Each structure stands twice: as C-alpha cells, then as structure tokens.
Amino acid sequence: MIAVVVPAHNEARRLGRCLKALSVAAAMAEGEGHSVQILVVLDRCSDGTAAVATRHGVATLAVDAGNVGMARRAGAQWMLERGARWLACTDADSQVPPHWLVSQLACGADAVCGTVHVAHWQPWQTAALRALYHSRYQAEDGHRHIHGANLGVCARAYERVGGFQPLPAHEDVRLISDLQAHGAQIVWSARHSVATSSRTDSRAREGFGDYLAGLESSLI
C-alpha cells in the first residue's frame, strides 16, 4: 500500500485543494495497480480542518503535538501499522501533480526528494522577491532541496533509520541525512514538482514560508 501523510494545523482554507489534487494522483496510481490511502494528521486543529478531511473521504488522526516532526512521525507510524510499503509526504497548503505517486515509485530508490514551485504569488509579493527566489532555487534533476511537501520514502528504509524525528522544524532534512548516513539511495527529482503556497504566516517555523520571509526582508 502507498501511504500519503499530510500534517495539518488549522488548514481548513487550504486543505480541500490539497486533497483534490491527491485524489487525482491516487487514482492514477490505482490505475496502475497500486493501493493508496491518504491520512490527514490533525495537529491541535481548532477550525474546520477535520470536517474538510471527512468531506473528502480520507482518514484522519488527531494528535496534540504542536510539532510537525511529531505529526509526520505519528502519521507514518499509523500507516506502517496498516501495511504501508511506501510513504509519501506533502503539506496541507500544497497541490501535487497527477503523476506524483507514479513518478516517485518509478525512481526505484529508497527515497525521492522532489522540488516545489509557487503557482500563485500573493499580490503584495514583489517582482524583485520572485526574481530573487528563482535565482536561488535549483528546479532541475540533481538538485539538493528537501521539502516535506514533496518527499517519498520506502517503508523499510524509513524504519531502518528510525523515521521522522520529533523536531519542530527540519524533520525532513534530518530524515534524509539519516538515510544518507546508512547508504540509502536518494533520487533528487524535478519531474513531479509540487505547487505550494507563498504565504509567510507559516504553520511551522523555519519552513518554506519563513525562507520566503527572509528573502523579502533582505530586499528592504
């Protein structure tokens, strides 16, 4: 079974778009004979995030962590206990392409690190910010970006290194580092880029939103 884990903290506004995109990617993978299950990890949600997930017919797991690393870890463990052989991770403010899961599996690797792109910049985010971002981002195969919004890992390799660590940030970077230390095969692919939000009011500190905020501050 292919497991998709989506951590979410008060993401009622954005989660629906995420799950619509995931349903298309799941259908494509299922068309090739794979079983796919999607799990939204509800981390201290006090809005309508759970209702959105229920409306889209996906599984949910409520945790009281306030910590993205712990949320991903809990979601991954929940899926492993149900027979997952491949763990695919994205974020609630992101939309995967239709071939996302198929492309990850086609890499034949222990883990696949994908790229992200901003599909819709906020109206107040300047052309200078966009240019600076693009000048520093390597959107091609062989890149070395690591995003929780676009990550896949073989269940056996994941368990071998102890999985996601309960870190408030960079749990994805730590996982890939641990995999590399154990000789895992990592593929750095730009073939299934994930659209993500350009918001700077991030749910997880030190993530993509904070990176954009830092770029913005450097232009002042």
N, C-alpha and C. Protein backbone atom coordinates (compact mmCIF):
# COMPACT_ATOMS: atom_id res chain seq x y z
N MET A 1 0.83 -1.20 0.00
CA MET A 1 0.00 0.00 0.00
C MET A 1 0.87 1.26 0.00
N ILE A 2 0.50 2.23 -0.80
CA ILE A 2 1.14 3.54 -0.79
C ILE A 2 0.40 4.41 0.22
N ALA A 3 1.12 4.98 1.16
CA ALA A 3 0.52 5.82 2.18
C ALA A 3 0.90 7.28 1.93
N VAL A 4 -0.08 8.15 1.98
CA VAL A 4 0.17 9.59 1.86
C VAL A 4 -0.15 10.23 3.21
N VAL A 5 0.82 10.93 3.76
CA VAL A 5 0.67 11.55 5.08
C VAL A 5 0.70 13.07 4.93
N VAL A 6 -0.35 13.72 5.44
CA VAL A 6 -0.47 15.18 5.35
C VAL A 6 -0.67 15.76 6.75
N PRO A 7 0.35 16.38 7.33
CA PRO A 7 0.15 17.04 8.63
C PRO A 7 -0.63 18.34 8.42
N ALA A 8 -1.50 18.66 9.37
CA ALA A 8 -2.31 19.87 9.21
C ALA A 8 -2.60 20.50 10.56
N HIS A 9 -2.36 21.80 10.64
CA HIS A 9 -2.74 22.58 11.82
C HIS A 9 -3.58 23.76 11.36
N ASN A 10 -4.88 23.70 11.59
CA ASN A 10 -5.81 24.76 11.21
C ASN A 10 -5.65 25.14 9.73
N GLU A 11 -5.89 24.16 8.87
CA GLU A 11 -5.72 24.34 7.42
C GLU A 11 -7.04 24.21 6.66
N ALA A 12 -8.15 24.57 7.29
CA ALA A 12 -9.46 24.40 6.65
C ALA A 12 -9.56 25.16 5.32
N ARG A 13 -8.89 26.29 5.22
CA ARG A 13 -8.98 27.09 3.99
C ARG A 13 -8.26 26.46 2.81
N ARG A 14 -7.20 25.71 3.08
CA ARG A 14 -6.35 25.22 2.00
C ARG A 14 -6.42 23.70 1.79
N LEU A 15 -6.84 22.97 2.79
CA LEU A 15 -6.76 21.51 2.73
C LEU A 15 -7.58 20.92 1.60
N GLY A 16 -8.72 21.51 1.28
CA GLY A 16 -9.56 20.96 0.22
C GLY A 16 -8.84 20.87 -1.11
N ARG A 17 -8.11 21.92 -1.46
CA ARG A 17 -7.36 21.90 -2.73
C ARG A 17 -6.27 20.84 -2.71
N CYS A 18 -5.64 20.69 -1.55
CA CYS A 18 -4.62 19.65 -1.39
C CYS A 18 -5.20 18.27 -1.63
N LEU A 19 -6.34 17.99 -1.01
CA LEU A 19 -6.94 16.67 -1.09
C LEU A 19 -7.52 16.38 -2.47
N LYS A 20 -8.02 17.40 -3.16
CA LYS A 20 -8.49 17.20 -4.53
C LYS A 20 -7.34 16.76 -5.43
N ALA A 21 -6.20 17.41 -5.28
CA ALA A 21 -5.03 17.05 -6.09
C ALA A 21 -4.55 15.64 -5.72
N LEU A 22 -4.56 15.32 -4.44
CA LEU A 22 -4.13 13.99 -4.01
C LEU A 22 -5.05 12.89 -4.53
N SER A 23 -6.34 13.18 -4.61
CA SER A 23 -7.27 12.16 -5.11
C SER A 23 -6.99 11.83 -6.56
N VAL A 24 -6.58 12.82 -7.34
CA VAL A 24 -6.23 12.59 -8.75
C VAL A 24 -4.95 11.74 -8.83
N ALA A 25 -3.95 12.10 -8.02
CA ALA A 25 -2.70 11.34 -8.01
C ALA A 25 -2.94 9.91 -7.54
N ALA A 26 -3.81 9.74 -6.55
CA ALA A 26 -4.12 8.39 -6.05
C ALA A 26 -4.82 7.57 -7.13
N ALA A 27 -5.74 8.19 -7.85
CA ALA A 27 -6.46 7.48 -8.91
C ALA A 27 -5.50 7.02 -10.01
N MET A 28 -4.51 7.84 -10.35
CA MET A 28 -3.54 7.45 -11.37
C MET A 28 -2.72 6.26 -10.88
N ALA A 29 -2.30 6.28 -9.63
CA ALA A 29 -1.52 5.17 -9.08
C ALA A 29 -2.37 3.91 -8.99
N GLU A 30 -3.62 4.07 -8.60
CA GLU A 30 -4.51 2.91 -8.51
C GLU A 30 -4.78 2.32 -9.88
N GLY A 31 -4.77 3.18 -10.91
CA GLY A 31 -4.94 2.70 -12.27
C GLY A 31 -3.79 1.83 -12.73
N GLU A 32 -2.67 1.93 -12.04
CA GLU A 32 -1.51 1.10 -12.35
C GLU A 32 -1.38 -0.07 -11.38
N GLY A 33 -2.44 -0.30 -10.61
CA GLY A 33 -2.48 -1.48 -9.75
C GLY A 33 -2.07 -1.28 -8.31
N HIS A 34 -1.82 -0.05 -7.91
CA HIS A 34 -1.40 0.21 -6.53
C HIS A 34 -2.61 0.53 -5.64
N SER A 35 -2.48 0.21 -4.38
CA SER A 35 -3.46 0.62 -3.38
C SER A 35 -2.94 1.88 -2.70
N VAL A 36 -3.79 2.88 -2.53
CA VAL A 36 -3.38 4.15 -1.95
C VAL A 36 -4.32 4.54 -0.80
N GLN A 37 -3.74 4.96 0.29
CA GLN A 37 -4.51 5.51 1.40
C GLN A 37 -3.95 6.87 1.78
N ILE A 38 -4.83 7.80 2.07
CA ILE A 38 -4.45 9.16 2.43
C ILE A 38 -4.84 9.43 3.88
N LEU A 39 -3.91 9.99 4.63
CA LEU A 39 -4.14 10.30 6.05
C LEU A 39 -3.82 11.76 6.32
N VAL A 40 -4.76 12.46 6.92
CA VAL A 40 -4.52 13.82 7.40
C VAL A 40 -4.30 13.76 8.90
N VAL A 41 -3.14 14.22 9.34
CA VAL A 41 -2.82 14.24 10.77
C VAL A 41 -3.25 15.60 11.32
N LEU A 42 -4.29 15.60 12.12
CA LEU A 42 -4.86 16.82 12.69
C LEU A 42 -4.09 17.20 13.95
N ASP A 43 -3.22 18.18 13.82
CA ASP A 43 -2.37 18.57 14.93
C ASP A 43 -2.91 19.83 15.60
N ARG A 44 -3.56 19.64 16.73
CA ARG A 44 -4.13 20.76 17.50
C ARG A 44 -5.03 21.65 16.64
N CYS A 45 -5.89 21.06 15.86
CA CYS A 45 -6.78 21.84 14.99
C CYS A 45 -7.99 22.33 15.77
N SER A 46 -8.28 23.62 15.64
CA SER A 46 -9.43 24.21 16.30
C SER A 46 -10.39 24.84 15.30
N ASP A 47 -10.16 24.60 14.01
CA ASP A 47 -11.04 25.12 12.97
C ASP A 47 -11.75 23.95 12.30
N GLY A 48 -12.11 24.10 11.04
CA GLY A 48 -12.86 23.07 10.34
C GLY A 48 -12.01 22.10 9.54
N THR A 49 -10.74 21.96 9.87
CA THR A 49 -9.85 21.07 9.11
C THR A 49 -10.37 19.64 9.10
N ALA A 50 -10.79 19.14 10.25
CA ALA A 50 -11.29 17.76 10.33
C ALA A 50 -12.50 17.56 9.43
N ALA A 51 -13.39 18.54 9.40
CA ALA A 51 -14.59 18.42 8.57
C ALA A 51 -14.23 18.38 7.09
N VAL A 52 -13.23 19.15 6.70
CA VAL A 52 -12.80 19.13 5.30
C VAL A 52 -12.25 17.76 4.94
N ALA A 53 -11.44 17.20 5.80
CA ALA A 53 -10.88 15.87 5.55
C ALA A 53 -11.99 14.83 5.45
N THR A 54 -12.95 14.89 6.35
CA THR A 54 -14.06 13.94 6.34
C THR A 54 -14.87 14.08 5.06
N ARG A 55 -15.09 15.30 4.63
CA ARG A 55 -15.86 15.53 3.40
C ARG A 55 -15.18 14.91 2.19
N HIS A 56 -13.85 14.85 2.22
CA HIS A 56 -13.11 14.28 1.10
C HIS A 56 -12.87 12.78 1.26
N GLY A 57 -13.38 12.21 2.33
CA GLY A 57 -13.34 10.77 2.50
C GLY A 57 -11.99 10.18 2.83
N VAL A 58 -11.13 10.96 3.44
CA VAL A 58 -9.81 10.44 3.80
C VAL A 58 -9.75 10.16 5.30
N ALA A 59 -8.79 9.35 5.70
CA ALA A 59 -8.62 9.03 7.11
C ALA A 59 -8.02 10.21 7.86
N THR A 60 -8.30 10.29 9.15
CA THR A 60 -7.73 11.34 9.99
C THR A 60 -7.16 10.72 11.27
N LEU A 61 -6.17 11.40 11.79
CA LEU A 61 -5.57 11.02 13.07
C LEU A 61 -5.33 12.30 13.85
N ALA A 62 -5.95 12.43 15.01
CA ALA A 62 -5.79 13.63 15.83
C ALA A 62 -4.63 13.46 16.79
N VAL A 63 -3.75 14.46 16.82
CA VAL A 63 -2.63 14.46 17.76
C VAL A 63 -2.56 15.82 18.45
N ASP A 64 -1.99 15.84 19.62
CA ASP A 64 -1.82 17.09 20.36
C ASP A 64 -0.32 17.35 20.49
N ALA A 65 0.29 17.69 19.37
CA ALA A 65 1.75 17.82 19.32
C ALA A 65 2.21 19.26 19.18
N GLY A 66 1.59 20.01 18.29
CA GLY A 66 2.09 21.35 18.00
C GLY A 66 3.49 21.29 17.44
N ASN A 67 3.76 20.23 16.67
CA ASN A 67 5.12 19.94 16.22
C ASN A 67 5.03 19.12 14.94
N VAL A 68 5.53 19.67 13.84
CA VAL A 68 5.37 19.00 12.55
C VAL A 68 6.12 17.67 12.48
N GLY A 69 7.29 17.60 13.13
CA GLY A 69 8.03 16.35 13.12
C GLY A 69 7.26 15.25 13.83
N MET A 70 6.67 15.58 14.96
CA MET A 70 5.88 14.60 15.70
C MET A 70 4.64 14.21 14.92
N ALA A 71 4.02 15.17 14.24
CA ALA A 71 2.82 14.88 13.46
C ALA A 71 3.15 13.94 12.29
N ARG A 72 4.23 14.23 11.57
CA ARG A 72 4.61 13.34 10.47
C ARG A 72 4.97 11.95 11.01
N ARG A 73 5.68 11.91 12.10
CA ARG A 73 6.08 10.63 12.69
C ARG A 73 4.86 9.80 13.09
N ALA A 74 3.90 10.45 13.74
CA ALA A 74 2.69 9.74 14.16
C ALA A 74 1.90 9.23 12.96
N GLY A 75 1.81 10.06 11.93
CA GLY A 75 1.09 9.65 10.73
C GLY A 75 1.77 8.50 10.03
N ALA A 76 3.09 8.56 9.93
CA ALA A 76 3.84 7.49 9.28
C ALA A 76 3.67 6.18 10.05
N GLN A 77 3.74 6.24 11.37
CA GLN A 77 3.60 5.03 12.19
C GLN A 77 2.21 4.43 12.02
N TRP A 78 1.20 5.28 11.98
CA TRP A 78 -0.18 4.83 11.80
C TRP A 78 -0.32 4.08 10.48
N MET A 79 0.32 4.58 9.46
CA MET A 79 0.26 3.95 8.13
C MET A 79 1.10 2.67 8.08
N LEU A 80 2.26 2.67 8.72
CA LEU A 80 3.10 1.47 8.73
C LEU A 80 2.37 0.31 9.41
N GLU A 81 1.64 0.62 10.46
CA GLU A 81 0.89 -0.42 11.16
C GLU A 81 -0.22 -1.01 10.30
N ARG A 82 -0.57 -0.31 9.24
CA ARG A 82 -1.62 -0.78 8.33
C ARG A 82 -1.04 -1.32 7.02
N GLY A 83 0.27 -1.54 7.01
CA GLY A 83 0.87 -2.22 5.88
C GLY A 83 1.48 -1.36 4.81
N ALA A 84 1.75 -0.10 5.08
CA ALA A 84 2.35 0.76 4.07
C ALA A 84 3.72 0.26 3.66
N ARG A 85 3.98 0.27 2.38
CA ARG A 85 5.32 -0.09 1.88
C ARG A 85 6.04 1.13 1.32
N TRP A 86 5.29 2.21 1.05
CA TRP A 86 5.87 3.45 0.56
C TRP A 86 5.16 4.60 1.26
N LEU A 87 5.93 5.53 1.81
CA LEU A 87 5.37 6.70 2.49
C LEU A 87 5.62 7.94 1.64
N ALA A 88 4.55 8.61 1.27
CA ALA A 88 4.65 9.85 0.50
C ALA A 88 4.14 10.99 1.37
N CYS A 89 4.89 12.07 1.43
CA CYS A 89 4.54 13.20 2.30
C CYS A 89 4.33 14.46 1.49
N THR A 90 3.30 15.20 1.85
CA THR A 90 3.11 16.55 1.32
C THR A 90 2.52 17.41 2.43
N ASP A 91 2.23 18.67 2.11
CA ASP A 91 1.71 19.60 3.11
C ASP A 91 0.30 20.06 2.74
N ALA A 92 -0.44 20.50 3.72
CA ALA A 92 -1.84 20.86 3.53
C ALA A 92 -2.04 22.09 2.66
N ASP A 93 -1.00 22.90 2.49
CA ASP A 93 -1.12 24.09 1.65
C ASP A 93 -0.51 23.87 0.27
N SER A 94 -0.37 22.61 -0.13
CA SER A 94 0.30 22.27 -1.39
C SER A 94 -0.59 21.39 -2.26
N GLN A 95 -0.30 21.39 -3.57
CA GLN A 95 -1.05 20.55 -4.51
C GLN A 95 -0.07 19.74 -5.35
N VAL A 96 -0.20 18.43 -5.28
CA VAL A 96 0.69 17.55 -6.02
C VAL A 96 0.20 17.40 -7.45
N PRO A 97 1.09 17.06 -8.40
CA PRO A 97 0.66 16.81 -9.77
C PRO A 97 0.04 15.42 -9.90
N PRO A 98 -0.73 15.16 -10.96
CA PRO A 98 -1.39 13.86 -11.12
C PRO A 98 -0.43 12.68 -11.10
N HIS A 99 0.77 12.83 -11.64
CA HIS A 99 1.71 11.71 -11.73
C HIS A 99 2.64 11.61 -10.52
N TRP A 100 2.33 12.32 -9.46
CA TRP A 100 3.22 12.42 -8.30
C TRP A 100 3.63 11.06 -7.72
N LEU A 101 2.67 10.24 -7.39
CA LEU A 101 2.98 8.95 -6.78
C LEU A 101 3.63 7.99 -7.78
N VAL A 102 3.11 7.96 -8.99
CA VAL A 102 3.66 7.09 -10.03
C VAL A 102 5.12 7.45 -10.30
N SER A 103 5.40 8.75 -10.33
CA SER A 103 6.76 9.21 -10.60
C SER A 103 7.70 8.85 -9.46
N GLN A 104 7.26 8.99 -8.22
CA GLN A 104 8.09 8.60 -7.08
C GLN A 104 8.48 7.13 -7.17
N LEU A 105 7.52 6.27 -7.41
CA LEU A 105 7.78 4.83 -7.45
C LEU A 105 8.67 4.46 -8.62
N ALA A 106 8.51 5.16 -9.74
CA ALA A 106 9.30 4.86 -10.94
C ALA A 106 10.78 5.13 -10.73
N CYS A 107 11.13 5.93 -9.73
CA CYS A 107 12.54 6.23 -9.46
C CYS A 107 13.29 5.01 -8.94
N GLY A 108 12.58 4.06 -8.35
CA GLY A 108 13.21 2.85 -7.85
C GLY A 108 14.26 3.09 -6.78
N ALA A 109 14.02 4.09 -5.93
CA ALA A 109 15.01 4.47 -4.92
C ALA A 109 14.49 4.22 -3.51
N ASP A 110 15.37 4.38 -2.53
CA ASP A 110 14.95 4.31 -1.13
C ASP A 110 14.17 5.55 -0.73
N ALA A 111 14.53 6.68 -1.32
CA ALA A 111 13.83 7.92 -1.03
C ALA A 111 13.90 8.84 -2.26
N VAL A 112 12.88 9.66 -2.42
CA VAL A 112 12.82 10.59 -3.55
C VAL A 112 12.53 11.99 -3.01
N CYS A 113 13.44 12.90 -3.26
CA CYS A 113 13.27 14.31 -2.87
C CYS A 113 12.86 15.09 -4.10
N GLY A 114 11.69 15.70 -4.05
CA GLY A 114 11.19 16.47 -5.18
C GLY A 114 11.28 17.96 -4.96
N THR A 115 11.05 18.70 -6.01
CA THR A 115 11.08 20.16 -5.95
C THR A 115 9.68 20.72 -5.68
N VAL A 116 9.63 22.00 -5.38
CA VAL A 116 8.36 22.71 -5.24
C VAL A 116 8.41 23.96 -6.11
N HIS A 117 7.23 24.50 -6.38
CA HIS A 117 7.14 25.78 -7.08
C HIS A 117 5.93 26.54 -6.55
N VAL A 118 5.99 27.84 -6.68
CA VAL A 118 4.87 28.69 -6.26
C VAL A 118 3.98 28.94 -7.46
N ALA A 119 2.76 28.43 -7.40
CA ALA A 119 1.83 28.60 -8.52
C ALA A 119 1.17 29.97 -8.50
N HIS A 120 0.89 30.47 -7.31
CA HIS A 120 0.19 31.77 -7.18
C HIS A 120 0.87 32.60 -6.09
N TRP A 121 1.61 33.61 -6.49
CA TRP A 121 2.24 34.51 -5.53
C TRP A 121 1.18 35.44 -4.95
N GLN A 122 1.39 35.88 -3.72
CA GLN A 122 0.49 36.84 -3.09
C GLN A 122 0.62 38.17 -3.82
N PRO A 123 -0.49 38.92 -3.94
CA PRO A 123 -0.47 40.18 -4.71
C PRO A 123 0.58 41.17 -4.23
N TRP A 124 0.88 41.16 -2.94
CA TRP A 124 1.84 42.13 -2.40
C TRP A 124 3.29 41.66 -2.50
N GLN A 125 3.51 40.44 -2.95
CA GLN A 125 4.87 39.94 -3.09
C GLN A 125 5.46 40.43 -4.41
N THR A 126 6.53 41.17 -4.33
CA THR A 126 7.05 41.92 -5.46
C THR A 126 7.76 41.06 -6.50
N ALA A 127 7.92 41.67 -7.67
CA ALA A 127 8.67 41.01 -8.74
C ALA A 127 10.12 40.78 -8.32
N ALA A 128 10.64 41.69 -7.50
CA ALA A 128 12.02 41.54 -7.01
C ALA A 128 12.14 40.29 -6.14
N LEU A 129 11.14 40.05 -5.29
CA LEU A 129 11.15 38.85 -4.45
C LEU A 129 11.10 37.60 -5.31
N ARG A 130 10.23 37.60 -6.30
CA ARG A 130 10.10 36.42 -7.16
C ARG A 130 11.40 36.15 -7.91
N ALA A 131 12.02 37.20 -8.39
CA ALA A 131 13.28 37.04 -9.13
C ALA A 131 14.37 36.51 -8.22
N LEU A 132 14.44 37.02 -7.00
CA LEU A 132 15.45 36.55 -6.05
C LEU A 132 15.23 35.08 -5.71
N TYR A 133 13.98 34.71 -5.49
CA TYR A 133 13.67 33.32 -5.19
C TYR A 133 14.11 32.40 -6.33
N HIS A 134 13.72 32.75 -7.54
CA HIS A 134 14.06 31.89 -8.69
C HIS A 134 15.56 31.82 -8.94
N SER A 135 16.27 32.90 -8.61
CA SER A 135 17.71 32.90 -8.83
C SER A 135 18.44 31.96 -7.88
N ARG A 136 17.78 31.62 -6.76
CA ARG A 136 18.43 30.79 -5.74
C ARG A 136 17.88 29.37 -5.69
N TYR A 137 16.91 29.09 -6.53
CA TYR A 137 16.28 27.77 -6.48
C TYR A 137 16.68 26.93 -7.68
N GLN A 138 17.11 25.72 -7.43
CA GLN A 138 17.59 24.82 -8.47
C GLN A 138 16.47 23.85 -8.84
N ALA A 139 15.65 24.22 -9.80
CA ALA A 139 14.49 23.41 -10.19
C ALA A 139 14.87 22.46 -11.32
N GLU A 140 15.74 21.52 -11.03
CA GLU A 140 16.19 20.56 -12.04
C GLU A 140 16.64 19.28 -11.35
N ASP A 141 16.68 18.19 -12.12
CA ASP A 141 17.15 16.93 -11.56
C ASP A 141 18.56 17.11 -10.99
N GLY A 142 18.81 16.45 -9.88
CA GLY A 142 20.11 16.57 -9.25
C GLY A 142 20.19 17.68 -8.22
N HIS A 143 19.09 18.41 -8.03
CA HIS A 143 19.04 19.47 -7.02
C HIS A 143 19.34 18.86 -5.65
N ARG A 144 19.46 19.69 -4.65
CA ARG A 144 19.65 19.19 -3.29
C ARG A 144 18.65 19.82 -2.32
N HIS A 145 17.46 20.13 -2.83
CA HIS A 145 16.41 20.66 -1.96
C HIS A 145 15.69 19.51 -1.26
N ILE A 146 15.26 19.76 -0.04
CA ILE A 146 14.50 18.77 0.72
C ILE A 146 13.24 19.46 1.24
N HIS A 147 12.08 18.96 0.81
CA HIS A 147 10.82 19.56 1.20
C HIS A 147 9.87 18.49 1.74
N GLY A 148 9.31 18.74 2.91
CA GLY A 148 8.28 17.84 3.41
C GLY A 148 7.06 17.83 2.52
N ALA A 149 6.90 18.86 1.70
CA ALA A 149 5.77 18.94 0.77
C ALA A 149 5.93 18.02 -0.43
N ASN A 150 7.14 17.49 -0.65
CA ASN A 150 7.37 16.63 -1.81
C ASN A 150 8.47 15.63 -1.49
N LEU A 151 8.06 14.59 -0.77
CA LEU A 151 9.03 13.62 -0.28
C LEU A 151 8.41 12.23 -0.29
N GLY A 152 9.18 11.25 -0.72
CA GLY A 152 8.72 9.87 -0.68
C GLY A 152 9.84 8.99 -0.16
N VAL A 153 9.46 7.95 0.60
CA VAL A 153 10.49 7.07 1.17
C VAL A 153 9.94 5.65 1.30
N CYS A 154 10.79 4.69 1.00
CA CYS A 154 10.46 3.28 1.16
C CYS A 154 10.28 2.99 2.65
N ALA A 155 9.24 2.25 2.98
CA ALA A 155 8.94 1.97 4.38
C ALA A 155 10.09 1.25 5.08
N ARG A 156 10.73 0.31 4.40
CA ARG A 156 11.84 -0.42 5.04
C ARG A 156 13.01 0.50 5.36
N ALA A 157 13.34 1.39 4.41
CA ALA A 157 14.43 2.33 4.65
C ALA A 157 14.06 3.30 5.77
N TYR A 158 12.82 3.74 5.78
CA TYR A 158 12.33 4.66 6.81
C TYR A 158 12.48 4.03 8.20
N GLU A 159 12.02 2.80 8.33
CA GLU A 159 12.08 2.14 9.64
C GLU A 159 13.52 1.84 10.05
N ARG A 160 14.38 1.57 9.07
CA ARG A 160 15.77 1.24 9.37
C ARG A 160 16.49 2.38 10.08
N VAL A 161 16.11 3.64 9.77
CA VAL A 161 16.79 4.79 10.36
C VAL A 161 15.99 5.43 11.50
N GLY A 162 14.88 4.82 11.86
CA GLY A 162 14.10 5.35 12.98
C GLY A 162 13.08 6.40 12.61
N GLY A 163 12.88 6.64 11.31
CA GLY A 163 11.81 7.52 10.86
C GLY A 163 12.03 8.99 11.13
N PHE A 164 10.95 9.76 10.98
CA PHE A 164 10.98 11.18 11.28
C PHE A 164 11.28 11.38 12.76
N GLN A 165 12.15 12.29 13.06
CA GLN A 165 12.41 12.64 14.46
C GLN A 165 11.43 13.73 14.90
N PRO A 166 11.06 13.77 16.17
CA PRO A 166 10.05 14.72 16.65
C PRO A 166 10.60 16.13 16.78
N LEU A 167 11.00 16.70 15.66
CA LEU A 167 11.60 18.04 15.64
C LEU A 167 10.56 19.08 15.23
N PRO A 168 10.63 20.28 15.76
CA PRO A 168 9.68 21.33 15.38
C PRO A 168 9.95 21.89 13.98
N ALA A 169 11.11 21.57 13.41
CA ALA A 169 11.46 22.03 12.06
C ALA A 169 12.57 21.14 11.52
N HIS A 170 12.65 21.07 10.19
CA HIS A 170 13.72 20.34 9.50
C HIS A 170 13.72 18.84 9.80
N GLU A 171 12.57 18.30 10.16
CA GLU A 171 12.47 16.85 10.35
C GLU A 171 12.70 16.10 9.03
N ASP A 172 12.33 16.76 7.91
CA ASP A 172 12.55 16.16 6.60
C ASP A 172 14.05 16.11 6.26
N VAL A 173 14.75 17.19 6.57
CA VAL A 173 16.20 17.24 6.34
C VAL A 173 16.91 16.19 7.18
N ARG A 174 16.48 16.05 8.43
CA ARG A 174 17.10 15.06 9.32
C ARG A 174 16.87 13.64 8.79
N LEU A 175 15.68 13.36 8.29
CA LEU A 175 15.40 12.02 7.77
C LEU A 175 16.31 11.69 6.60
N ILE A 176 16.46 12.62 5.67
CA ILE A 176 17.31 12.37 4.50
C ILE A 176 18.77 12.23 4.94
N SER A 177 19.19 13.02 5.89
CA SER A 177 20.56 12.91 6.40
C SER A 177 20.79 11.53 7.02
N ASP A 178 19.82 11.07 7.79
CA ASP A 178 19.95 9.75 8.41
C ASP A 178 19.98 8.65 7.35
N LEU A 179 19.16 8.79 6.32
CA LEU A 179 19.15 7.80 5.24
C LEU A 179 20.49 7.78 4.51
N GLN A 180 21.03 8.95 4.24
CA GLN A 180 22.32 9.02 3.56
C GLN A 180 23.42 8.38 4.40
N ALA A 181 23.37 8.59 5.70
CA ALA A 181 24.38 8.02 6.59
C ALA A 181 24.33 6.50 6.60
N HIS A 182 23.17 5.95 6.25
CA HIS A 182 23.02 4.49 6.20
C HIS A 182 23.15 3.95 4.78
N GLY A 183 23.62 4.79 3.85
CA GLY A 183 23.88 4.32 2.50
C GLY A 183 22.65 4.17 1.63
N ALA A 184 21.56 4.81 1.98
CA ALA A 184 20.34 4.70 1.19
C ALA A 184 20.51 5.39 -0.17
N GLN A 185 19.77 4.90 -1.15
CA GLN A 185 19.78 5.52 -2.47
C GLN A 185 18.75 6.64 -2.50
N ILE A 186 19.22 7.86 -2.72
CA ILE A 186 18.35 9.04 -2.77
C ILE A 186 18.30 9.55 -4.20
N VAL A 187 17.11 9.79 -4.70
CA VAL A 187 16.94 10.40 -6.02
C VAL A 187 16.45 11.83 -5.81
N TRP A 188 17.09 12.77 -6.51
CA TRP A 188 16.74 14.19 -6.42
C TRP A 188 16.07 14.57 -7.73
N SER A 189 14.75 14.58 -7.72
CA SER A 189 13.99 14.69 -8.97
C SER A 189 13.23 16.01 -9.07
N ALA A 190 13.17 16.53 -10.29
CA ALA A 190 12.35 17.71 -10.59
C ALA A 190 11.19 17.34 -11.50
N ARG A 191 10.95 16.04 -11.65
CA ARG A 191 9.95 15.58 -12.60
C ARG A 191 8.52 15.59 -12.07
N HIS A 192 8.35 15.83 -10.79
CA HIS A 192 6.99 15.88 -10.23
C HIS A 192 6.93 17.01 -9.20
N SER A 193 7.18 18.22 -9.65
CA SER A 193 7.19 19.38 -8.77
C SER A 193 5.81 19.61 -8.15
N VAL A 194 5.80 19.99 -6.90
CA VAL A 194 4.57 20.24 -6.15
C VAL A 194 4.34 21.74 -6.00
N ALA A 195 3.13 22.18 -6.29
CA ALA A 195 2.78 23.60 -6.12
C ALA A 195 2.54 23.86 -4.64
N THR A 196 3.17 24.89 -4.12
CA THR A 196 3.00 25.20 -2.71
C THR A 196 2.67 26.67 -2.50
N SER A 197 2.23 27.00 -1.33
CA SER A 197 1.79 28.36 -1.01
C SER A 197 2.99 29.29 -0.81
N SER A 198 2.78 30.55 -1.17
CA SER A 198 3.83 31.55 -0.92
C SER A 198 3.54 32.35 0.35
N ARG A 199 2.64 31.85 1.18
CA ARG A 199 2.33 32.58 2.41
C ARG A 199 3.56 32.63 3.32
N THR A 200 3.64 33.67 4.09
CA THR A 200 4.76 33.80 5.03
C THR A 200 4.30 33.63 6.48
N ASP A 201 2.98 33.43 6.68
CA ASP A 201 2.48 33.13 8.03
C ASP A 201 2.45 31.61 8.20
N SER A 202 3.63 31.04 8.23
CA SER A 202 3.79 29.59 8.22
C SER A 202 3.19 28.94 9.47
N ARG A 203 2.70 27.69 9.28
CA ARG A 203 2.25 26.91 10.42
C ARG A 203 3.45 26.35 11.18
N ALA A 204 4.53 26.03 10.43
CA ALA A 204 5.74 25.50 11.06
C ALA A 204 6.87 26.52 10.88
N ARG A 205 7.46 26.93 11.94
CA ARG A 205 8.55 27.89 11.89
C ARG A 205 9.77 27.28 11.22
N GLU A 206 10.56 28.14 10.57
CA GLU A 206 11.79 27.76 9.88
C GLU A 206 11.54 26.94 8.61
N GLY A 207 10.30 26.95 8.15
CA GLY A 207 9.97 26.23 6.93
C GLY A 207 10.02 27.12 5.71
N PHE A 208 9.30 26.73 4.65
CA PHE A 208 9.34 27.44 3.38
C PHE A 208 8.85 28.89 3.52
N GLY A 209 7.79 29.08 4.30
CA GLY A 209 7.27 30.42 4.49
C GLY A 209 8.27 31.36 5.14
N ASP A 210 8.98 30.85 6.14
CA ASP A 210 10.00 31.67 6.80
C ASP A 210 11.17 31.95 5.86
N TYR A 211 11.46 30.99 4.98
CA TYR A 211 12.51 31.21 3.99
C TYR A 211 12.12 32.37 3.07
N LEU A 212 10.87 32.38 2.61
CA LEU A 212 10.41 33.48 1.75
C LEU A 212 10.42 34.80 2.52
N ALA A 213 10.02 34.76 3.77
CA ALA A 213 10.02 35.98 4.59
C ALA A 213 11.44 36.52 4.73
N GLY A 214 12.40 35.63 4.87
CA GLY A 214 13.80 36.05 4.97
C GLY A 214 14.29 36.70 3.69
N LEU A 215 13.89 36.12 2.55
CA LEU A 215 14.25 36.72 1.27
C LEU A 215 13.65 38.12 1.14
N GLU A 216 12.38 38.22 1.57
CA GLU A 216 11.68 39.51 1.49
C GLU A 216 12.38 40.56 2.34
N SER A 217 12.80 40.15 3.52
CA SER A 217 13.48 41.10 4.43
C SER A 217 14.81 41.55 3.85
N SER A 218 15.48 40.68 3.11
CA SER A 218 16.79 41.04 2.54
C SER A 218 16.68 42.10 1.45
N LEU A 219 15.46 42.30 0.94
CA LEU A 219 15.26 43.28 -0.13
C LEU A 219 14.95 44.68 0.41
N ILE A 220 14.68 44.75 1.69
CA ILE A 220 14.30 46.05 2.29
C ILE A 220 15.54 46.93 2.48
